[in-house]
């Protein structure tokens, strides 16, 4: 319940702020003429909302950073400077899950919530919960932004490929090729597409990997490793 009270408080504060501005202009409407009053009310209200939206974005990213810091923690009985530690894996999972759920509930519809879905998928995958992991990755794919949806596609495609659903995996990888991001550039995604072709179309896979190697991109070493799988390592 505390989570929802905090969320409601933020919303009520914004509504109250905008309401005060509208009330002020209503009380002084004789000082304004024609449609000027309506424009001013909308302008001031818009400025108020813009500030609220910016602050919400900052708060959401801070909450996601807190959750991902917990996600990157280690299980140990010793103190590790600069690293979050947990006494047991169960404690880590519980704390990370709670933090990610808070981001999802408090900041629904934001890029941070998309990131929370992605990390929830990673956590479930670690724990061997394949069904839950795929559901979280699928939610992230549909989420806001570009980086986390692409990362989710890469993770989801990898799981589908491991399960033998090659066509579905290729669709996710190809979607990244068509819309690459800073985190996953085109060449990196193309390697995964080539991986789905190793059995069905090895010649096309070789061609794709050769192109990546010729471009001498950061993904070239990965392309060379996969080429060795085809018996043509360089």
C-alpha atoms as a PDB file:
ATOM      1  CA  UNK A   1       0.000   0.000   0.000  1.00  0.00           C
ATOM      2  CA  UNK A   2       2.908   2.385   0.703  1.00  0.00           C
ATOM      3  CA  UNK A   3       3.938   2.167  -2.935  1.00  0.00           C
ATOM      4  CA  UNK A   4       0.566   3.316  -4.164  1.00  0.00           C
ATOM      5  CA  UNK A   5       0.349   6.110  -1.585  1.00  0.00           C
ATOM      6  CA  UNK A   6       3.672   7.479  -2.785  1.00  0.00           C
ATOM      7  CA  UNK A   7       2.514   7.333  -6.386  1.00  0.00           C
ATOM      8  CA  UNK A   8      -0.794   8.993  -5.539  1.00  0.00           C
ATOM      9  CA  UNK A   9       1.022  11.714  -3.606  1.00  0.00           C
ATOM     10  CA  UNK A  10       3.116  12.633  -6.655  1.00  0.00           C
ATOM     11  CA  UNK A  11       0.038  12.732  -8.841  1.00  0.00           C
ATOM     12  CA  UNK A  12      -1.951  14.776  -6.302  1.00  0.00           C
ATOM     13  CA  UNK A  13       0.885  17.272  -5.940  1.00  0.00           C
ATOM     14  CA  UNK A  14       0.900  17.808  -9.697  1.00  0.00           C
ATOM     15  CA  UNK A  15      -2.874  18.157  -9.888  1.00  0.00           C
ATOM     16  CA  UNK A  16      -2.845  20.630  -7.009  1.00  0.00           C
ATOM     17  CA  UNK A  17      -0.099  22.711  -8.657  1.00  0.00           C
ATOM     18  CA  UNK A  18      -1.901  22.963 -11.972  1.00  0.00           C
ATOM     19  CA  UNK A  19      -5.208  23.563 -10.189  1.00  0.00           C
ATOM     20  CA  UNK A  20      -3.764  26.552  -8.354  1.00  0.00           C
ATOM     21  CA  UNK A  21      -2.664  28.099 -11.646  1.00  0.00           C
ATOM     22  CA  UNK A  22      -6.047  27.570 -13.252  1.00  0.00           C
ATOM     23  CA  UNK A  23      -7.776  29.034 -10.178  1.00  0.00           C
ATOM     24  CA  UNK A  24      -5.543  32.112 -10.325  1.00  0.00           C
ATOM     25  CA  UNK A  25      -6.385  32.823 -13.931  1.00  0.00           C
ATOM     26  CA  UNK A  26     -10.070  32.234 -13.294  1.00  0.00           C
ATOM     27  CA  UNK A  27     -10.011  34.819 -10.497  1.00  0.00           C
ATOM     28  CA  UNK A  28      -8.285  37.363 -12.715  1.00  0.00           C
ATOM     29  CA  UNK A  29     -10.068  36.584 -15.953  1.00  0.00           C
ATOM     30  CA  UNK A  30     -11.184  40.229 -16.423  1.00  0.00           C
ATOM     31  CA  UNK A  31      -7.531  41.188 -16.858  1.00  0.00           C
ATOM     32  CA  UNK A  32      -7.309  39.034 -19.942  1.00  0.00           C
ATOM     33  CA  UNK A  33      -9.185  39.271 -23.213  1.00  0.00           C
ATOM     34  CA  UNK A  34     -10.677  36.872 -25.740  1.00  0.00           C
ATOM     35  CA  UNK A  35      -8.931  33.562 -26.167  1.00  0.00           C
ATOM     36  CA  UNK A  36      -5.797  34.780 -24.400  1.00  0.00           C
ATOM     37  CA  UNK A  37      -6.946  33.370 -21.067  1.00  0.00           C
ATOM     38  CA  UNK A  38      -7.490  29.907 -22.487  1.00  0.00           C
ATOM     39  CA  UNK A  39      -4.087  29.925 -24.139  1.00  0.00           C
ATOM     40  CA  UNK A  40      -2.390  31.045 -20.937  1.00  0.00           C
ATOM     41  CA  UNK A  41      -4.139  28.402 -18.856  1.00  0.00           C
ATOM     42  CA  UNK A  42      -3.076  25.713 -21.304  1.00  0.00           C
ATOM     43  CA  UNK A  43       0.460  27.098 -21.452  1.00  0.00           C
ATOM     44  CA  UNK A  44       0.924  27.206 -17.691  1.00  0.00           C
ATOM     45  CA  UNK A  45      -0.677  23.815 -17.282  1.00  0.00           C
ATOM     46  CA  UNK A  46       1.601  22.466 -19.998  1.00  0.00           C
ATOM     47  CA  UNK A  47       4.680  23.872 -18.295  1.00  0.00           C
ATOM     48  CA  UNK A  48       3.584  22.285 -15.032  1.00  0.00           C
ATOM     49  CA  UNK A  49       3.092  18.929 -16.680  1.00  0.00           C
ATOM     50  CA  UNK A  50       6.411  19.209 -18.488  1.00  0.00           C
ATOM     51  CA  UNK A  51       8.193  19.684 -15.186  1.00  0.00           C
ATOM     52  CA  UNK A  52       6.286  16.792 -13.651  1.00  0.00           C
ATOM     53  CA  UNK A  53       7.115  14.527 -16.595  1.00  0.00           C
ATOM     54  CA  UNK A  54      10.801  15.425 -16.454  1.00  0.00           C
ATOM     55  CA  UNK A  55      10.957  14.747 -12.737  1.00  0.00           C
ATOM     56  CA  UNK A  56       9.131  11.457 -13.192  1.00  0.00           C
ATOM     57  CA  UNK A  57      11.658  10.477 -15.818  1.00  0.00           C
ATOM     58  CA  UNK A  58      14.532  11.285 -13.470  1.00  0.00           C
ATOM     59  CA  UNK A  59      12.903   9.407 -10.600  1.00  0.00           C
ATOM     60  CA  UNK A  60      12.199   6.372 -12.784  1.00  0.00           C
ATOM     61  CA  UNK A  61      15.789   6.142 -13.981  1.00  0.00           C
ATOM     62  CA  UNK A  62      17.070   6.473 -10.413  1.00  0.00           C
ATOM     63  CA  UNK A  63      14.767   3.651  -9.327  1.00  0.00           C
ATOM     64  CA  UNK A  64      15.951   1.462 -12.219  1.00  0.00           C
ATOM     65  CA  UNK A  65      19.583   2.201 -11.394  1.00  0.00           C
ATOM     66  CA  UNK A  66      18.957   1.110  -7.810  1.00  0.00           C
ATOM     67  CA  UNK A  67      17.366  -2.132  -9.036  1.00  0.00           C
ATOM     68  CA  UNK A  68      20.142  -2.902 -11.522  1.00  0.00           C
ATOM     69  CA  UNK A  69      22.768  -2.219  -8.858  1.00  0.00           C
ATOM     70  CA  UNK A  70      21.083  -4.849  -6.717  1.00  0.00           C
ATOM     71  CA  UNK A  71      20.918  -7.173  -9.732  1.00  0.00           C
ATOM     72  CA  UNK A  72      24.675  -6.866 -10.134  1.00  0.00           C
ATOM     73  CA  UNK A  73      25.298  -7.709  -6.494  1.00  0.00           C
ATOM     74  CA  UNK A  74      27.169 -10.807  -5.380  1.00  0.00           C
ATOM     75  CA  UNK A  75      26.480 -13.466  -2.801  1.00  0.00           C
ATOM     76  CA  UNK A  76      29.289 -13.540  -0.246  1.00  0.00           C
ATOM     77  CA  UNK A  77      29.950 -13.366   3.458  1.00  0.00           C
ATOM     78  CA  UNK A  78      32.758 -10.869   2.894  1.00  0.00           C
ATOM     79  CA  UNK A  79      32.521  -7.135   2.331  1.00  0.00           C
ATOM     80  CA  UNK A  80      33.380  -6.085  -1.222  1.00  0.00           C
ATOM     81  CA  UNK A  81      34.069  -2.345  -1.648  1.00  0.00           C
ATOM     82  CA  UNK A  82      31.778  -0.742  -4.194  1.00  0.00           C
ATOM     83  CA  UNK A  83      29.690  -3.883  -4.676  1.00  0.00           C
ATOM     84  CA  UNK A  84      26.307  -4.739  -3.186  1.00  0.00           C
ATOM     85  CA  UNK A  85      26.494  -8.050  -1.345  1.00  0.00           C
ATOM     86  CA  UNK A  86      23.935 -10.595  -0.156  1.00  0.00           C
ATOM     87  CA  UNK A  87      24.281 -13.395   2.343  1.00  0.00           C
ATOM     88  CA  UNK A  88      22.283 -15.832   0.183  1.00  0.00           C
ATOM     89  CA  UNK A  89      21.064 -16.123  -3.399  1.00  0.00           C
ATOM     90  CA  UNK A  90      17.487 -16.231  -2.148  1.00  0.00           C
ATOM     91  CA  UNK A  91      18.019 -12.851  -0.492  1.00  0.00           C
ATOM     92  CA  UNK A  92      19.450 -11.424  -3.705  1.00  0.00           C
ATOM     93  CA  UNK A  93      16.526 -12.666  -5.779  1.00  0.00           C
ATOM     94  CA  UNK A  94      14.012 -11.305  -3.273  1.00  0.00           C
ATOM     95  CA  UNK A  95      15.588  -7.850  -3.102  1.00  0.00           C
ATOM     96  CA  UNK A  96      16.094  -7.546  -6.855  1.00  0.00           C
ATOM     97  CA  UNK A  97      12.546  -8.713  -7.573  1.00  0.00           C
ATOM     98  CA  UNK A  98      11.101  -6.205  -5.120  1.00  0.00           C
ATOM     99  CA  UNK A  99      13.087  -3.321  -6.618  1.00  0.00           C
ATOM    100  CA  UNK A 100      12.176  -4.235 -10.203  1.00  0.00           C
ATOM    101  CA  UNK A 101       8.508  -4.651  -9.311  1.00  0.00           C
ATOM    102  CA  UNK A 102       8.503  -1.165  -7.786  1.00  0.00           C
ATOM    103  CA  UNK A 103       9.838   0.315 -11.025  1.00  0.00           C
ATOM    104  CA  UNK A 104       7.234  -1.587 -13.029  1.00  0.00           C
ATOM    105  CA  UNK A 105       4.326  -0.460 -10.828  1.00  0.00           C
ATOM    106  CA  UNK A 106       5.406   3.085  -9.999  1.00  0.00           C
ATOM    107  CA  UNK A 107       6.614   4.053 -13.477  1.00  0.00           C
ATOM    108  CA  UNK A 108       4.436   2.082 -15.882  1.00  0.00           C
ATOM    109  CA  UNK A 109       4.734   3.219 -19.484  1.00  0.00           C
ATOM    110  CA  UNK A 110       8.266   4.604 -19.139  1.00  0.00           C
ATOM    111  CA  UNK A 111      11.562   3.451 -20.603  1.00  0.00           C
ATOM    112  CA  UNK A 112      12.587   2.548 -17.047  1.00  0.00           C
ATOM    113  CA  UNK A 113       9.661   0.136 -16.785  1.00  0.00           C
ATOM    114  CA  UNK A 114      10.844  -1.447 -20.043  1.00  0.00           C
ATOM    115  CA  UNK A 115      14.282  -1.856 -18.492  1.00  0.00           C
ATOM    116  CA  UNK A 116      12.727  -3.407 -15.406  1.00  0.00           C
ATOM    117  CA  UNK A 117      10.924  -5.969 -17.590  1.00  0.00           C
ATOM    118  CA  UNK A 118      14.214  -6.810 -19.313  1.00  0.00           C
ATOM    119  CA  UNK A 119      16.103  -7.322 -16.064  1.00  0.00           C
ATOM    120  CA  UNK A 120      13.199  -9.316 -14.639  1.00  0.00           C
ATOM    121  CA  UNK A 121      13.586 -11.598 -17.636  1.00  0.00           C
ATOM    122  CA  UNK A 122      17.301 -11.968 -17.007  1.00  0.00           C
ATOM    123  CA  UNK A 123      16.654 -12.806 -13.367  1.00  0.00           C
ATOM    124  CA  UNK A 124      14.036 -15.413 -14.265  1.00  0.00           C
ATOM    125  CA  UNK A 125      16.350 -16.914 -16.885  1.00  0.00           C
ATOM    126  CA  UNK A 126      19.090 -17.214 -14.270  1.00  0.00           C
ATOM    127  CA  UNK A 127      16.701 -19.066 -11.994  1.00  0.00           C
ATOM    128  CA  UNK A 128      15.636 -21.439 -14.752  1.00  0.00           C
ATOM    129  CA  UNK A 129      12.144 -19.982 -15.066  1.00  0.00           C
ATOM    130  CA  UNK A 130      11.982 -20.039 -18.855  1.00  0.00           C
ATOM    131  CA  UNK A 131       8.255 -19.295 -19.223  1.00  0.00           C
ATOM    132  CA  UNK A 132       8.396 -16.287 -16.917  1.00  0.00           C
ATOM    133  CA  UNK A 133      11.618 -15.058 -18.509  1.00  0.00           C
ATOM    134  CA  UNK A 134      10.145 -15.122 -22.004  1.00  0.00           C
ATOM    135  CA  UNK A 135       7.026 -13.306 -20.794  1.00  0.00           C
ATOM    136  CA  UNK A 136       9.156 -10.524 -19.320  1.00  0.00           C
ATOM    137  CA  UNK A 137      11.300 -10.275 -22.457  1.00  0.00           C
ATOM    138  CA  UNK A 138       8.176 -10.081 -24.610  1.00  0.00           C
ATOM    139  CA  UNK A 139       6.871  -7.258 -22.417  1.00  0.00           C
ATOM    140  CA  UNK A 140      10.182  -5.423 -22.834  1.00  0.00           C
ATOM    141  CA  UNK A 141      10.067  -5.888 -26.617  1.00  0.00           C
ATOM    142  CA  UNK A 142       6.724  -4.067 -26.619  1.00  0.00           C
ATOM    143  CA  UNK A 143       7.985  -1.397 -24.242  1.00  0.00           C
ATOM    144  CA  UNK A 144       9.115   2.173 -24.667  1.00  0.00           C
ATOM    145  CA  UNK A 145      12.519   3.167 -26.008  1.00  0.00           C
ATOM    146  CA  UNK A 146      14.911   1.375 -28.327  1.00  0.00           C
ATOM    147  CA  UNK A 147      17.830  -0.063 -26.358  1.00  0.00           C
ATOM    148  CA  UNK A 148      15.987  -2.286 -23.875  1.00  0.00           C
ATOM    149  CA  UNK A 149      13.526  -3.642 -26.466  1.00  0.00           C
ATOM    150  CA  UNK A 150      16.500  -4.606 -28.655  1.00  0.00           C
ATOM    151  CA  UNK A 151      18.303  -6.244 -25.737  1.00  0.00           C
ATOM    152  CA  UNK A 152      15.114  -8.126 -24.920  1.00  0.00           C
ATOM    153  CA  UNK A 153      14.827  -9.324 -28.526  1.00  0.00           C
ATOM    154  CA  UNK A 154      18.405 -10.586 -28.411  1.00  0.00           C
ATOM    155  CA  UNK A 155      17.785 -12.484 -25.182  1.00  0.00           C
ATOM    156  CA  UNK A 156      14.396 -13.812 -26.275  1.00  0.00           C
ATOM    157  CA  UNK A 157      15.744 -14.858 -29.664  1.00  0.00           C
ATOM    158  CA  UNK A 158      18.550 -16.745 -27.963  1.00  0.00           C
ATOM    159  CA  UNK A 159      16.102 -18.650 -25.791  1.00  0.00           C
ATOM    160  CA  UNK A 160      13.861 -19.492 -28.734  1.00  0.00           C
ATOM    161  CA  UNK A 161      16.825 -20.682 -30.799  1.00  0.00           C
ATOM    162  CA  UNK A 162      17.970 -22.921 -27.940  1.00  0.00           C
ATOM    163  CA  UNK A 163      14.465 -24.384 -27.813  1.00  0.00           C
ATOM    164  CA  UNK A 164      14.528 -25.117 -31.545  1.00  0.00           C
ATOM    165  CA  UNK A 165      12.110 -22.385 -32.622  1.00  0.00           C
ATOM    166  CA  UNK A 166      14.499 -21.129 -35.289  1.00  0.00           C
ATOM    167  CA  UNK A 167      12.031 -19.087 -37.338  1.00  0.00           C
ATOM    168  CA  UNK A 168      10.749 -17.138 -34.343  1.00  0.00           C
ATOM    169  CA  UNK A 169      14.323 -16.515 -33.198  1.00  0.00           C
ATOM    170  CA  UNK A 170      15.315 -15.254 -36.654  1.00  0.00           C
ATOM    171  CA  UNK A 171      12.409 -12.812 -36.688  1.00  0.00           C
ATOM    172  CA  UNK A 172      13.647 -11.200 -33.479  1.00  0.00           C
ATOM    173  CA  UNK A 173      17.243 -11.017 -34.680  1.00  0.00           C
ATOM    174  CA  UNK A 174      16.203  -9.641 -38.069  1.00  0.00           C
ATOM    175  CA  UNK A 175      14.130  -6.960 -36.344  1.00  0.00           C
ATOM    176  CA  UNK A 176      17.320  -5.719 -34.690  1.00  0.00           C
ATOM    177  CA  UNK A 177      19.188  -5.827 -38.004  1.00  0.00           C
ATOM    178  CA  UNK A 178      16.461  -3.636 -39.491  1.00  0.00           C
ATOM    179  CA  UNK A 179      16.511  -1.291 -36.480  1.00  0.00           C
ATOM    180  CA  UNK A 180      19.975  -1.470 -34.899  1.00  0.00           C
ATOM    181  CA  UNK A 181      20.829   0.414 -31.718  1.00  0.00           C
ATOM    182  CA  UNK A 182      23.979   1.694 -30.047  1.00  0.00           C
ATOM    183  CA  UNK A 183      23.990  -1.331 -27.766  1.00  0.00           C
ATOM    184  CA  UNK A 184      23.358  -3.869 -30.526  1.00  0.00           C
ATOM    185  CA  UNK A 185      24.674  -2.626 -33.897  1.00  0.00           C
ATOM    186  CA  UNK A 186      23.662  -4.207 -37.188  1.00  0.00           C
ATOM    187  CA  UNK A 187      26.716  -6.476 -37.505  1.00  0.00           C
ATOM    188  CA  UNK A 188      26.169  -7.925 -34.032  1.00  0.00           C
ATOM    189  CA  UNK A 189      22.544  -8.754 -34.803  1.00  0.00           C
ATOM    190  CA  UNK A 190      23.517 -10.137 -38.229  1.00  0.00           C
ATOM    191  CA  UNK A 191      25.731 -12.711 -36.520  1.00  0.00           C
ATOM    192  CA  UNK A 192      22.680 -14.033 -34.703  1.00  0.00           C
ATOM    193  CA  UNK A 193      20.722 -14.192 -37.968  1.00  0.00           C
ATOM    194  CA  UNK A 194      23.622 -16.164 -39.458  1.00  0.00           C
ATOM    195  CA  UNK A 195      23.511 -18.483 -36.465  1.00  0.00           C
ATOM    196  CA  UNK A 196      19.907 -19.372 -37.310  1.00  0.00           C
ATOM    197  CA  UNK A 197      21.014 -20.294 -40.843  1.00  0.00           C
ATOM    198  CA  UNK A 198      23.814 -22.695 -39.916  1.00  0.00           C
ATOM    199  CA  UNK A 199      21.677 -25.754 -40.604  1.00  0.00           C
ATOM    200  CA  UNK A 200      19.171 -24.577 -43.181  1.00  0.00           C
ATOM    201  CA  UNK A 201      21.361 -22.346 -45.353  1.00  0.00           C
ATOM    202  CA  UNK A 202      25.056 -22.635 -44.412  1.00  0.00           C
ATOM    203  CA  UNK A 203      26.175 -20.916 -47.637  1.00  0.00           C
ATOM    204  CA  UNK A 204      24.170 -17.791 -46.809  1.00  0.00           C
ATOM    205  CA  UNK A 205      25.514 -17.917 -43.268  1.00  0.00           C
ATOM    206  CA  UNK A 206      29.089 -17.998 -44.620  1.00  0.00           C
ATOM    207  CA  UNK A 207      28.388 -15.027 -46.873  1.00  0.00           C
ATOM    208  CA  UNK A 208      26.984 -12.962 -44.017  1.00  0.00           C
ATOM    209  CA  UNK A 209      29.868 -13.810 -41.716  1.00  0.00           C
ATOM    210  CA  UNK A 210      32.443 -13.067 -44.433  1.00  0.00           C
ATOM    211  CA  UNK A 211      30.902  -9.632 -44.981  1.00  0.00           C
ATOM    212  CA  UNK A 212      31.157  -8.860 -41.274  1.00  0.00           C
ATOM    213  CA  UNK A 213      34.776 -10.002 -41.157  1.00  0.00           C
ATOM    214  CA  UNK A 214      35.635  -7.958 -44.243  1.00  0.00           C
ATOM    215  CA  UNK A 215      34.191  -4.853 -42.587  1.00  0.00           C
ATOM    216  CA  UNK A 216      36.570  -5.399 -39.639  1.00  0.00           C
ATOM    217  CA  UNK A 217      33.854  -4.282 -37.241  1.00  0.00           C
ATOM    218  CA  UNK A 218      33.893  -4.924 -33.473  1.00  0.00           C
ATOM    219  CA  UNK A 219      31.744  -7.983 -34.214  1.00  0.00           C
ATOM    220  CA  UNK A 220      34.410  -9.517 -36.503  1.00  0.00           C
ATOM    221  CA  UNK A 221      35.902 -11.818 -33.814  1.00  0.00           C
ATOM    222  CA  UNK A 222      32.455 -13.266 -33.131  1.00  0.00           C
ATOM    223  CA  UNK A 223      31.948 -13.779 -36.855  1.00  0.00           C
ATOM    224  CA  UNK A 224      35.296 -15.588 -37.071  1.00  0.00           C
ATOM    225  CA  UNK A 225      34.365 -17.885 -34.193  1.00  0.00           C
ATOM    226  CA  UNK A 226      31.071 -18.785 -35.819  1.00  0.00           C
ATOM    227  CA  UNK A 227      32.806 -19.312 -39.166  1.00  0.00           C
ATOM    228  CA  UNK A 228      34.951 -21.940 -37.496  1.00  0.00           C
ATOM    229  CA  UNK A 229      31.731 -23.763 -36.624  1.00  0.00           C
ATOM    230  CA  UNK A 230      31.120 -23.981 -40.346  1.00  0.00           C
ATOM    231  CA  UNK A 231      34.605 -25.398 -40.901  1.00  0.00           C
ATOM    232  CA  UNK A 232      35.938 -22.257 -42.551  1.00  0.00           C
ATOM    233  CA  UNK A 233      37.619 -20.363 -39.751  1.00  0.00           C
ATOM    234  CA  UNK A 234      40.059 -17.660 -40.751  1.00  0.00           C
END
